[in-house]
């Protein structure tokens, strides 16, 4: 365990990252809720991502490296139940649009 006085400096803006995590959790929850609507009913899981959002986001923001990194990229394997959070982050980053988000766990999401 690291005492608070021995913790290293945080390399980002903690308040901004907290705010983003709240948005991502909200979008993930709405995405799963919308997948429950009549005629769809495929549902999804939210607790896996919600409980580990800070771990995922700190990793994505500060540790995991993309394919263009000089040392090579990281391969990250997420538990399937955490996918609502990954979709929600991709939406926030502009990599998925609202229609794709609305197709979560349906053929239209491909």
PDB file of N, CA and C in Angstrom:
ATOM      1  N   UNK A   1       0.839  -1.174   0.000  1.00  0.00           N
ATOM      2  CA  UNK A   1       0.000   0.000   0.000  1.00  0.00           C
ATOM      3  C   UNK A   1       0.884   1.237   0.000  1.00  0.00           C
ATOM      4  N   UNK A   2       0.475   2.226  -0.761  1.00  0.00           N
ATOM      5  CA  UNK A   2       1.219   3.481  -0.840  1.00  0.00           C
ATOM      6  C   UNK A   2       0.488   4.526  -0.011  1.00  0.00           C
ATOM      7  N   UNK A   3       1.192   5.125   0.915  1.00  0.00           N
ATOM      8  CA  UNK A   3       0.597   6.189   1.712  1.00  0.00           C
ATOM      9  C   UNK A   3       0.296   7.400   0.841  1.00  0.00           C
ATOM     10  N   UNK A   4      -0.712   8.168   1.199  1.00  0.00           N
ATOM     11  CA  UNK A   4      -1.114   9.338   0.406  1.00  0.00           C
ATOM     12  C   UNK A   4       0.055  10.289   0.181  1.00  0.00           C
ATOM     13  N   UNK A   5       0.896  10.450   1.181  1.00  0.00           N
ATOM     14  CA  UNK A   5       2.035  11.365   1.049  1.00  0.00           C
ATOM     15  C   UNK A   5       3.106  10.830   0.095  1.00  0.00           C
ATOM     16  N   UNK A   6       3.078   9.514  -0.182  1.00  0.00           N
ATOM     17  CA  UNK A   6       4.066   8.901  -1.075  1.00  0.00           C
ATOM     18  C   UNK A   6       3.541   8.670  -2.491  1.00  0.00           C
ATOM     19  N   UNK A   7       2.289   9.006  -2.730  1.00  0.00           N
ATOM     20  CA  UNK A   7       1.726   8.805  -4.069  1.00  0.00           C
ATOM     21  C   UNK A   7       2.418   9.715  -5.073  1.00  0.00           C
ATOM     22  N   UNK A   8       2.723   9.176  -6.260  1.00  0.00           N
ATOM     23  CA  UNK A   8       3.319  10.039  -7.283  1.00  0.00           C
ATOM     24  C   UNK A   8       2.285  11.024  -7.830  1.00  0.00           C
ATOM     25  N   UNK A   9       2.764  12.068  -8.459  1.00  0.00           N
ATOM     26  CA  UNK A   9       1.924  13.073  -9.079  1.00  0.00           C
ATOM     27  C   UNK A   9       1.051  12.422 -10.149  1.00  0.00           C
ATOM     28  N   UNK A  10      -0.211  12.812 -10.222  1.00  0.00           N
ATOM     29  CA  UNK A  10      -1.140  12.295 -11.232  1.00  0.00           C
ATOM     30  C   UNK A  10      -0.881  13.029 -12.545  1.00  0.00           C
ATOM     31  N   UNK A  11      -0.645  12.308 -13.641  1.00  0.00           N
ATOM     32  CA  UNK A  11      -0.234  12.956 -14.889  1.00  0.00           C
ATOM     33  C   UNK A  11      -1.347  13.653 -15.666  1.00  0.00           C
ATOM     34  N   UNK A  12      -2.588  13.540 -15.234  1.00  0.00           N
ATOM     35  CA  UNK A  12      -3.689  14.164 -15.963  1.00  0.00           C
ATOM     36  C   UNK A  12      -4.430  15.166 -15.106  1.00  0.00           C
ATOM     37  N   UNK A  13      -5.615  15.508 -15.544  1.00  0.00           N
ATOM     38  CA  UNK A  13      -6.501  16.401 -14.798  1.00  0.00           C
ATOM     39  C   UNK A  13      -7.579  15.525 -14.169  1.00  0.00           C
ATOM     40  N   UNK A  14      -7.453  15.272 -12.879  1.00  0.00           N
ATOM     41  CA  UNK A  14      -8.354  14.330 -12.212  1.00  0.00           C
ATOM     42  C   UNK A  14      -9.818  14.724 -12.335  1.00  0.00           C
ATOM     43  N   UNK A  15     -10.136  15.992 -12.219  1.00  0.00           N
ATOM     44  CA  UNK A  15     -11.531  16.425 -12.294  1.00  0.00           C
ATOM     45  C   UNK A  15     -12.100  16.207 -13.692  1.00  0.00           C
ATOM     46  N   UNK A  16     -11.346  16.517 -14.713  1.00  0.00           N
ATOM     47  CA  UNK A  16     -11.804  16.290 -16.093  1.00  0.00           C
ATOM     48  C   UNK A  16     -12.017  14.799 -16.326  1.00  0.00           C
ATOM     49  N   UNK A  17     -11.094  13.979 -15.873  1.00  0.00           N
ATOM     50  CA  UNK A  17     -11.229  12.537 -16.068  1.00  0.00           C
ATOM     51  C   UNK A  17     -12.422  11.976 -15.294  1.00  0.00           C
ATOM     52  N   UNK A  18     -12.694  12.488 -14.105  1.00  0.00           N
ATOM     53  CA  UNK A  18     -13.892  12.060 -13.357  1.00  0.00           C
ATOM     54  C   UNK A  18     -15.158  12.410 -14.135  1.00  0.00           C
ATOM     55  N   UNK A  19     -15.181  13.620 -14.675  1.00  0.00           N
ATOM     56  CA  UNK A  19     -16.345  14.066 -15.449  1.00  0.00           C
ATOM     57  C   UNK A  19     -16.550  13.160 -16.665  1.00  0.00           C
ATOM     58  N   UNK A  20     -15.492  12.852 -17.382  1.00  0.00           N
ATOM     59  CA  UNK A  20     -15.603  11.955 -18.536  1.00  0.00           C
ATOM     60  C   UNK A  20     -16.108  10.584 -18.110  1.00  0.00           C
ATOM     61  N   UNK A  21     -15.601  10.055 -17.005  1.00  0.00           N
ATOM     62  CA  UNK A  21     -16.068   8.743 -16.528  1.00  0.00           C
ATOM     63  C   UNK A  21     -17.557   8.773 -16.240  1.00  0.00           C
ATOM     64  N   UNK A  22     -18.042   9.871 -15.660  1.00  0.00           N
ATOM     65  CA  UNK A  22     -19.487   9.981 -15.398  1.00  0.00           C
ATOM     66  C   UNK A  22     -20.265   9.963 -16.700  1.00  0.00           C
ATOM     67  N   UNK A  23     -19.788  10.689 -17.700  1.00  0.00           N
ATOM     68  CA  UNK A  23     -20.474  10.698 -19.007  1.00  0.00           C
ATOM     69  C   UNK A  23     -20.461   9.306 -19.637  1.00  0.00           C
ATOM     70  N   UNK A  24     -19.327   8.642 -19.570  1.00  0.00           N
ATOM     71  CA  UNK A  24     -19.215   7.312 -20.165  1.00  0.00           C
ATOM     72  C   UNK A  24     -20.122   6.334 -19.431  1.00  0.00           C
ATOM     73  N   UNK A  25     -20.121   6.359 -18.098  1.00  0.00           N
ATOM     74  CA  UNK A  25     -21.025   5.481 -17.339  1.00  0.00           C
ATOM     75  C   UNK A  25     -22.478   5.753 -17.711  1.00  0.00           C
ATOM     76  N   UNK A  26     -22.849   7.031 -17.808  1.00  0.00           N
ATOM     77  CA  UNK A  26     -24.227   7.391 -18.159  1.00  0.00           C
ATOM     78  C   UNK A  26     -24.575   6.861 -19.548  1.00  0.00           C
ATOM     79  N   UNK A  27     -23.717   7.115 -20.534  1.00  0.00           N
ATOM     80  CA  UNK A  27     -23.988   6.642 -21.892  1.00  0.00           C
ATOM     81  C   UNK A  27     -24.076   5.123 -21.947  1.00  0.00           C
ATOM     82  N   UNK A  28     -23.230   4.437 -21.197  1.00  0.00           N
ATOM     83  CA  UNK A  28     -23.280   2.978 -21.165  1.00  0.00           C
ATOM     84  C   UNK A  28     -24.597   2.500 -20.564  1.00  0.00           C
ATOM     85  N   UNK A  29     -25.033   3.132 -19.482  1.00  0.00           N
ATOM     86  CA  UNK A  29     -26.295   2.738 -18.842  1.00  0.00           C
ATOM     87  C   UNK A  29     -27.480   2.985 -19.767  1.00  0.00           C
ATOM     88  N   UNK A  30     -27.502   4.121 -20.444  1.00  0.00           N
ATOM     89  CA  UNK A  30     -28.600   4.424 -21.371  1.00  0.00           C
ATOM     90  C   UNK A  30     -28.582   3.453 -22.543  1.00  0.00           C
ATOM     91  N   UNK A  31     -27.414   3.120 -23.014  1.00  0.00           N
ATOM     92  CA  UNK A  31     -27.281   2.171 -24.120  1.00  0.00           C
ATOM     93  C   UNK A  31     -27.898   0.818 -23.743  1.00  0.00           C
ATOM     94  N   UNK A  32     -27.583   0.319 -22.568  1.00  0.00           N
ATOM     95  CA  UNK A  32     -28.145  -0.954 -22.110  1.00  0.00           C
ATOM     96  C   UNK A  32     -29.650  -0.831 -21.917  1.00  0.00           C
ATOM     97  N   UNK A  33     -30.100   0.273 -21.331  1.00  0.00           N
ATOM     98  CA  UNK A  33     -31.538   0.485 -21.116  1.00  0.00           C
ATOM     99  C   UNK A  33     -32.273   0.518 -22.447  1.00  0.00           C
ATOM    100  N   UNK A  34     -31.716   1.193 -23.451  1.00  0.00           N
ATOM    101  CA  UNK A  34     -32.372   1.275 -24.766  1.00  0.00           C
ATOM    102  C   UNK A  34     -32.437  -0.088 -25.438  1.00  0.00           C
ATOM    103  N   UNK A  35     -31.482  -0.944 -25.154  1.00  0.00           N
ATOM    104  CA  UNK A  35     -31.498  -2.290 -25.732  1.00  0.00           C
ATOM    105  C   UNK A  35     -32.612  -3.142 -25.135  1.00  0.00           C
ATOM    106  N   UNK A  36     -33.261  -2.666 -24.078  1.00  0.00           N
ATOM    107  CA  UNK A  36     -34.384  -3.373 -23.448  1.00  0.00           C
ATOM    108  C   UNK A  36     -35.728  -2.977 -24.048  1.00  0.00           C
ATOM    109  N   UNK A  37     -35.750  -1.983 -24.952  1.00  0.00           N
ATOM    110  CA  UNK A  37     -37.029  -1.476 -25.449  1.00  0.00           C
ATOM    111  C   UNK A  37     -37.816  -2.558 -26.190  1.00  0.00           C
ATOM    112  N   UNK A  38     -39.101  -2.330 -26.280  1.00  0.00           N
ATOM    113  CA  UNK A  38     -40.009  -3.297 -26.896  1.00  0.00           C
ATOM    114  C   UNK A  38     -39.576  -3.589 -28.329  1.00  0.00           C
ATOM    115  N   UNK A  39     -39.631  -4.849 -28.671  1.00  0.00           N
ATOM    116  CA  UNK A  39     -39.236  -5.272 -30.002  1.00  0.00           C
ATOM    117  C   UNK A  39     -37.752  -5.566 -30.129  1.00  0.00           C
ATOM    118  N   UNK A  40     -36.974  -5.163 -29.135  1.00  0.00           N
ATOM    119  CA  UNK A  40     -35.529  -5.422 -29.143  1.00  0.00           C
ATOM    120  C   UNK A  40     -35.225  -6.426 -28.033  1.00  0.00           C
ATOM    121  N   UNK A  41     -35.308  -5.970 -26.788  1.00  0.00           N
ATOM    122  CA  UNK A  41     -35.197  -6.829 -25.613  1.00  0.00           C
ATOM    123  C   UNK A  41     -33.918  -7.627 -25.469  1.00  0.00           C
ATOM    124  N   UNK A  42     -32.801  -7.140 -26.033  1.00  0.00           N
ATOM    125  CA  UNK A  42     -31.557  -7.892 -25.899  1.00  0.00           C
ATOM    126  C   UNK A  42     -30.784  -7.538 -24.637  1.00  0.00           C
ATOM    127  N   UNK A  43     -31.099  -6.403 -24.053  1.00  0.00           N
ATOM    128  CA  UNK A  43     -30.497  -6.022 -22.776  1.00  0.00           C
ATOM    129  C   UNK A  43     -29.000  -5.855 -22.824  1.00  0.00           C
ATOM    130  N   UNK A  44     -28.377  -6.192 -21.735  1.00  0.00           N
ATOM    131  CA  UNK A  44     -26.937  -6.029 -21.595  1.00  0.00           C
ATOM    132  C   UNK A  44     -26.582  -5.925 -20.129  1.00  0.00           C
ATOM    133  N   UNK A  45     -25.314  -5.787 -19.864  1.00  0.00           N
ATOM    134  CA  UNK A  45     -24.823  -5.698 -18.492  1.00  0.00           C
ATOM    135  C   UNK A  45     -24.179  -4.337 -18.291  1.00  0.00           C
ATOM    136  N   UNK A  46     -24.412  -3.752 -17.151  1.00  0.00           N
ATOM    137  CA  UNK A  46     -23.793  -2.464 -16.870  1.00  0.00           C
ATOM    138  C   UNK A  46     -22.856  -2.527 -15.664  1.00  0.00           C
ATOM    139  N   UNK A  47     -23.091  -3.450 -14.756  1.00  0.00           N
ATOM    140  CA  UNK A  47     -22.321  -3.435 -13.508  1.00  0.00           C
ATOM    141  C   UNK A  47     -20.839  -3.732 -13.712  1.00  0.00           C
ATOM    142  N   UNK A  48     -20.485  -4.574 -14.680  1.00  0.00           N
ATOM    143  CA  UNK A  48     -19.070  -4.887 -14.894  1.00  0.00           C
ATOM    144  C   UNK A  48     -18.288  -3.631 -15.227  1.00  0.00           C
ATOM    145  N   UNK A  49     -18.767  -2.876 -16.197  1.00  0.00           N
ATOM    146  CA  UNK A  49     -18.054  -1.652 -16.570  1.00  0.00           C
ATOM    147  C   UNK A  49     -18.156  -0.610 -15.467  1.00  0.00           C
ATOM    148  N   UNK A  50     -19.344  -0.421 -14.929  1.00  0.00           N
ATOM    149  CA  UNK A  50     -19.547   0.633 -13.926  1.00  0.00           C
ATOM    150  C   UNK A  50     -18.613   0.453 -12.737  1.00  0.00           C
ATOM    151  N   UNK A  51     -18.399  -0.785 -12.324  1.00  0.00           N
ATOM    152  CA  UNK A  51     -17.565  -1.018 -11.144  1.00  0.00           C
ATOM    153  C   UNK A  51     -16.075  -0.903 -11.445  1.00  0.00           C
ATOM    154  N   UNK A  52     -15.692  -1.019 -12.707  1.00  0.00           N
ATOM    155  CA  UNK A  52     -14.273  -0.977 -13.057  1.00  0.00           C
ATOM    156  C   UNK A  52     -13.921   0.207 -13.954  1.00  0.00           C
ATOM    157  N   UNK A  53     -14.828   1.159 -14.103  1.00  0.00           N
ATOM    158  CA  UNK A  53     -14.620   2.278 -15.027  1.00  0.00           C
ATOM    159  C   UNK A  53     -13.325   3.031 -14.750  1.00  0.00           C
ATOM    160  N   UNK A  54     -13.020   3.270 -13.497  1.00  0.00           N
ATOM    161  CA  UNK A  54     -11.802   4.018 -13.175  1.00  0.00           C
ATOM    162  C   UNK A  54     -10.566   3.251 -13.632  1.00  0.00           C
ATOM    163  N   UNK A  55     -10.543   1.945 -13.411  1.00  0.00           N
ATOM    164  CA  UNK A  55      -9.397   1.143 -13.852  1.00  0.00           C
ATOM    165  C   UNK A  55      -9.235   1.204 -15.365  1.00  0.00           C
ATOM    166  N   UNK A  56     -10.342   1.005 -16.086  1.00  0.00           N
ATOM    167  CA  UNK A  56     -10.279   1.055 -17.553  1.00  0.00           C
ATOM    168  C   UNK A  56      -9.812   2.424 -18.035  1.00  0.00           C
ATOM    169  N   UNK A  57     -10.406   3.476 -17.501  1.00  0.00           N
ATOM    170  CA  UNK A  57     -10.113   4.819 -17.997  1.00  0.00           C
ATOM    171  C   UNK A  57      -8.695   5.270 -17.658  1.00  0.00           C
ATOM    172  N   UNK A  58      -8.203   4.962 -16.474  1.00  0.00           N
ATOM    173  CA  UNK A  58      -6.814   5.308 -16.145  1.00  0.00           C
ATOM    174  C   UNK A  58      -5.872   4.532 -17.064  1.00  0.00           C
ATOM    175  N   UNK A  59      -6.175   3.265 -17.292  1.00  0.00           N
ATOM    176  CA  UNK A  59      -5.356   2.479 -18.217  1.00  0.00           C
ATOM    177  C   UNK A  59      -5.362   3.054 -19.616  1.00  0.00           C
ATOM    178  N   UNK A  60      -6.558   3.368 -20.126  1.00  0.00           N
ATOM    179  CA  UNK A  60      -6.672   3.908 -21.483  1.00  0.00           C
ATOM    180  C   UNK A  60      -6.026   5.286 -21.606  1.00  0.00           C
ATOM    181  N   UNK A  61      -6.144   6.092 -20.581  1.00  0.00           N
ATOM    182  CA  UNK A  61      -5.602   7.452 -20.643  1.00  0.00           C
ATOM    183  C   UNK A  61      -4.108   7.540 -20.363  1.00  0.00           C
ATOM    184  N   UNK A  62      -3.560   6.612 -19.577  1.00  0.00           N
ATOM    185  CA  UNK A  62      -2.191   6.808 -19.100  1.00  0.00           C
ATOM    186  C   UNK A  62      -1.234   5.631 -19.282  1.00  0.00           C
ATOM    187  N   UNK A  63      -1.731   4.436 -19.558  1.00  0.00           N
ATOM    188  CA  UNK A  63      -0.838   3.280 -19.597  1.00  0.00           C
ATOM    189  C   UNK A  63      -0.837   2.535 -20.920  1.00  0.00           C
ATOM    190  N   UNK A  64      -2.002   2.205 -21.448  1.00  0.00           N
ATOM    191  CA  UNK A  64      -2.077   1.408 -22.667  1.00  0.00           C
ATOM    192  C   UNK A  64      -1.560   2.230 -23.842  1.00  0.00           C
ATOM    193  N   UNK A  65      -0.867   1.580 -24.754  1.00  0.00           N
ATOM    194  CA  UNK A  65      -0.254   2.256 -25.898  1.00  0.00           C
ATOM    195  C   UNK A  65      -0.903   1.794 -27.198  1.00  0.00           C
ATOM    196  N   UNK A  66      -1.053   2.727 -28.122  1.00  0.00           N
ATOM    197  CA  UNK A  66      -1.634   2.436 -29.433  1.00  0.00           C
ATOM    198  C   UNK A  66      -0.636   1.775 -30.362  1.00  0.00           C
ATOM    199  N   UNK A  67      -1.135   1.315 -31.500  1.00  0.00           N
ATOM    200  CA  UNK A  67      -0.293   0.570 -32.441  1.00  0.00           C
ATOM    201  C   UNK A  67       0.866   1.391 -33.000  1.00  0.00           C
ATOM    202  N   UNK A  68       0.768   2.715 -32.953  1.00  0.00           N
ATOM    203  CA  UNK A  68       1.830   3.566 -33.479  1.00  0.00           C
ATOM    204  C   UNK A  68       2.914   3.901 -32.452  1.00  0.00           C
ATOM    205  N   UNK A  69       2.777   3.410 -31.239  1.00  0.00           N
ATOM    206  CA  UNK A  69       3.781   3.678 -30.203  1.00  0.00           C
ATOM    207  C   UNK A  69       5.112   3.043 -30.621  1.00  0.00           C
ATOM    208  N   UNK A  70       6.238   3.741 -30.408  1.00  0.00           N
ATOM    209  CA  UNK A  70       7.544   3.201 -30.820  1.00  0.00           C
ATOM    210  C   UNK A  70       7.840   1.802 -30.273  1.00  0.00           C
ATOM    211  N   UNK A  71       7.343   1.492 -29.093  1.00  0.00           N
ATOM    212  CA  UNK A  71       7.576   0.176 -28.511  1.00  0.00           C
ATOM    213  C   UNK A  71       6.533  -0.851 -28.913  1.00  0.00           C
ATOM    214  N   UNK A  72       5.623  -0.469 -29.795  1.00  0.00           N
ATOM    215  CA  UNK A  72       4.529  -1.357 -30.197  1.00  0.00           C
ATOM    216  C   UNK A  72       3.305  -1.108 -29.345  1.00  0.00           C
ATOM    217  N   UNK A  73       2.192  -1.494 -29.855  1.00  0.00           N
ATOM    218  CA  UNK A  73       0.931  -1.281 -29.150  1.00  0.00           C
ATOM    219  C   UNK A  73       0.598  -2.407 -28.196  1.00  0.00           C
ATOM    220  N   UNK A  74      -0.323  -2.118 -27.311  1.00  0.00           N
ATOM    221  CA  UNK A  74      -0.814  -3.118 -26.368  1.00  0.00           C
ATOM    222  C   UNK A  74      -2.029  -3.827 -26.954  1.00  0.00           C
ATOM    223  N   UNK A  75      -2.170  -5.093 -26.643  1.00  0.00           N
ATOM    224  CA  UNK A  75      -3.378  -5.846 -26.960  1.00  0.00           C
ATOM    225  C   UNK A  75      -4.170  -5.923 -25.671  1.00  0.00           C
ATOM    226  N   UNK A  76      -5.378  -5.416 -25.699  1.00  0.00           N
ATOM    227  CA  UNK A  76      -6.193  -5.373 -24.490  1.00  0.00           C
ATOM    228  C   UNK A  76      -7.427  -6.219 -24.722  1.00  0.00           C
ATOM    229  N   UNK A  77      -7.662  -7.161 -23.849  1.00  0.00           N
ATOM    230  CA  UNK A  77      -8.820  -8.026 -23.949  1.00  0.00           C
ATOM    231  C   UNK A  77      -9.773  -7.685 -22.818  1.00  0.00           C
ATOM    232  N   UNK A  78     -10.952  -7.216 -23.183  1.00  0.00           N
ATOM    233  CA  UNK A  78     -11.955  -6.819 -22.201  1.00  0.00           C
ATOM    234  C   UNK A  78     -12.965  -7.932 -22.016  1.00  0.00           C
ATOM    235  N   UNK A  79     -13.454  -8.057 -20.798  1.00  0.00           N
ATOM    236  CA  UNK A  79     -14.556  -8.975 -20.560  1.00  0.00           C
ATOM    237  C   UNK A  79     -15.744  -8.471 -21.371  1.00  0.00           C
ATOM    238  N   UNK A  80     -16.454  -9.375 -22.025  1.00  0.00           N
ATOM    239  CA  UNK A  80     -17.583  -8.993 -22.866  1.00  0.00           C
ATOM    240  C   UNK A  80     -18.619  -8.153 -22.154  1.00  0.00           C
ATOM    241  N   UNK A  81     -18.823  -8.428 -20.868  1.00  0.00           N
ATOM    242  CA  UNK A  81     -19.827  -7.665 -20.115  1.00  0.00           C
ATOM    243  C   UNK A  81     -19.432  -6.201 -19.938  1.00  0.00           C
ATOM    244  N   UNK A  82     -18.167  -5.880 -20.193  1.00  0.00           N
ATOM    245  CA  UNK A  82     -17.715  -4.486 -20.074  1.00  0.00           C
ATOM    246  C   UNK A  82     -17.914  -3.707 -21.372  1.00  0.00           C
ATOM    247  N   UNK A  83     -18.408  -4.361 -22.416  1.00  0.00           N
ATOM    248  CA  UNK A  83     -18.510  -3.702 -23.722  1.00  0.00           C
ATOM    249  C   UNK A  83     -19.367  -2.443 -23.741  1.00  0.00           C
ATOM    250  N   UNK A  84     -20.430  -2.306 -22.930  1.00  0.00           N
ATOM    251  CA  UNK A  84     -21.168  -1.036 -22.972  1.00  0.00           C
ATOM    252  C   UNK A  84     -20.271   0.166 -22.683  1.00  0.00           C
ATOM    253  N   UNK A  85     -19.333   0.019 -21.788  1.00  0.00           N
ATOM    254  CA  UNK A  85     -18.422   1.117 -21.487  1.00  0.00           C
ATOM    255  C   UNK A  85     -17.459   1.400 -22.623  1.00  0.00           C
ATOM    256  N   UNK A  86     -17.019   0.355 -23.314  1.00  0.00           N
ATOM    257  CA  UNK A  86     -16.115   0.554 -24.445  1.00  0.00           C
ATOM    258  C   UNK A  86     -16.849   1.251 -25.593  1.00  0.00           C
ATOM    259  N   UNK A  87     -18.095   0.837 -25.831  1.00  0.00           N
ATOM    260  CA  UNK A  87     -18.918   1.505 -26.850  1.00  0.00           C
ATOM    261  C   UNK A  87     -19.138   2.963 -26.450  1.00  0.00           C
ATOM    262  N   UNK A  88     -19.453   3.203 -25.183  1.00  0.00           N
ATOM    263  CA  UNK A  88     -19.740   4.564 -24.713  1.00  0.00           C
ATOM    264  C   UNK A  88     -18.510   5.461 -24.854  1.00  0.00           C
ATOM    265  N   UNK A  89     -17.341   4.918 -24.590  1.00  0.00           N
ATOM    266  CA  UNK A  89     -16.109   5.707 -24.767  1.00  0.00           C
ATOM    267  C   UNK A  89     -15.892   6.011 -26.246  1.00  0.00           C
ATOM    268  N   UNK A  90     -16.097   5.014 -27.105  1.00  0.00           N
ATOM    269  CA  UNK A  90     -15.933   5.226 -28.547  1.00  0.00           C
ATOM    270  C   UNK A  90     -16.904   6.293 -29.052  1.00  0.00           C
ATOM    271  N   UNK A  91     -18.107   6.319 -28.501  1.00  0.00           N
ATOM    272  CA  UNK A  91     -19.090   7.346 -28.871  1.00  0.00           C
ATOM    273  C   UNK A  91     -18.600   8.726 -28.439  1.00  0.00           C
ATOM    274  N   UNK A  92     -18.120   8.838 -27.219  1.00  0.00           N
ATOM    275  CA  UNK A  92     -17.622  10.117 -26.710  1.00  0.00           C
ATOM    276  C   UNK A  92     -16.432  10.615 -27.537  1.00  0.00           C
ATOM    277  N   UNK A  93     -15.625   9.689 -28.019  1.00  0.00           N
ATOM    278  CA  UNK A  93     -14.463  10.049 -28.838  1.00  0.00           C
ATOM    279  C   UNK A  93     -14.827  10.310 -30.299  1.00  0.00           C
ATOM    280  N   UNK A  94     -16.081  10.048 -30.672  1.00  0.00           N
ATOM    281  CA  UNK A  94     -16.513  10.269 -32.048  1.00  0.00           C
ATOM    282  C   UNK A  94     -16.242   9.102 -32.984  1.00  0.00           C
ATOM    283  N   UNK A  95     -15.853   7.942 -32.441  1.00  0.00           N
ATOM    284  CA  UNK A  95     -15.589   6.772 -33.277  1.00  0.00           C
ATOM    285  C   UNK A  95     -16.850   5.980 -33.587  1.00  0.00           C
ATOM    286  N   UNK A  96     -17.905   6.177 -32.817  1.00  0.00           N
ATOM    287  CA  UNK A  96     -19.228   5.604 -33.089  1.00  0.00           C
ATOM    288  C   UNK A  96     -20.227   6.739 -33.105  1.00  0.00           C
ATOM    289  N   UNK A  97     -21.252   6.620 -33.953  1.00  0.00           N
ATOM    290  CA  UNK A  97     -22.299   7.640 -33.975  1.00  0.00           C
ATOM    291  C   UNK A  97     -23.514   7.147 -33.189  1.00  0.00           C
ATOM    292  N   UNK A  98     -24.520   8.001 -33.055  1.00  0.00           N
ATOM    293  CA  UNK A  98     -25.704   7.670 -32.253  1.00  0.00           C
ATOM    294  C   UNK A  98     -26.440   6.459 -32.813  1.00  0.00           C
ATOM    295  N   UNK A  99     -26.505   6.335 -34.134  1.00  0.00           N
ATOM    296  CA  UNK A  99     -27.188   5.183 -34.737  1.00  0.00           C
ATOM    297  C   UNK A  99     -26.468   3.882 -34.385  1.00  0.00           C
ATOM    298  N   UNK A 100     -25.153   3.904 -34.434  1.00  0.00           N
ATOM    299  CA  UNK A 100     -24.392   2.715 -34.064  1.00  0.00           C
ATOM    300  C   UNK A 100     -24.576   2.388 -32.586  1.00  0.00           C
ATOM    301  N   UNK A 101     -24.602   3.397 -31.748  1.00  0.00           N
ATOM    302  CA  UNK A 101     -24.835   3.170 -30.314  1.00  0.00           C
ATOM    303  C   UNK A 101     -26.210   2.567 -30.086  1.00  0.00           C
ATOM    304  N   UNK A 102     -27.190   3.039 -30.840  1.00  0.00           N
ATOM    305  CA  UNK A 102     -28.555   2.546 -30.678  1.00  0.00           C
ATOM    306  C   UNK A 102     -28.691   1.105 -31.167  1.00  0.00           C
ATOM    307  N   UNK A 103     -27.718   0.628 -31.939  1.00  0.00           N
ATOM    308  CA  UNK A 103     -27.749  -0.740 -32.431  1.00  0.00           C
ATOM    309  C   UNK A 103     -26.998  -1.717 -31.544  1.00  0.00           C
ATOM    310  N   UNK A 104     -26.690  -1.312 -30.328  1.00  0.00           N
ATOM    311  CA  UNK A 104     -25.939  -2.162 -29.392  1.00  0.00           C
ATOM    312  C   UNK A 104     -26.570  -3.546 -29.271  1.00  0.00           C
ATOM    313  N   UNK A 105     -25.757  -4.583 -29.433  1.00  0.00           N
ATOM    314  CA  UNK A 105     -26.149  -5.989 -29.336  1.00  0.00           C
ATOM    315  C   UNK A 105     -27.183  -6.388 -30.379  1.00  0.00           C
ATOM    316  N   UNK A 106     -27.201  -5.685 -31.478  1.00  0.00           N
ATOM    317  CA  UNK A 106     -28.097  -6.019 -32.580  1.00  0.00           C
ATOM    318  C   UNK A 106     -27.260  -6.110 -33.849  1.00  0.00           C
ATOM    319  N   UNK A 107     -27.795  -6.702 -34.855  1.00  0.00           N
ATOM    320  CA  UNK A 107     -27.086  -6.833 -36.119  1.00  0.00           C
ATOM    321  C   UNK A 107     -26.676  -5.473 -36.670  1.00  0.00           C
ATOM    322  N   UNK A 108     -27.474  -4.443 -36.416  1.00  0.00           N
ATOM    323  CA  UNK A 108     -27.185  -3.117 -36.965  1.00  0.00           C
ATOM    324  C   UNK A 108     -25.932  -2.490 -36.374  1.00  0.00           C
ATOM    325  N   UNK A 109     -25.387  -3.061 -35.325  1.00  0.00           N
ATOM    326  CA  UNK A 109     -24.190  -2.485 -34.713  1.00  0.00           C
ATOM    327  C   UNK A 109     -22.926  -2.853 -35.475  1.00  0.00           C
ATOM    328  N   UNK A 110     -23.036  -3.688 -36.490  1.00  0.00           N
ATOM    329  CA  UNK A 110     -21.844  -4.117 -37.245  1.00  0.00           C
ATOM    330  C   UNK A 110     -21.548  -3.178 -38.367  1.00  0.00           C
TER     331      UNK A 110
END
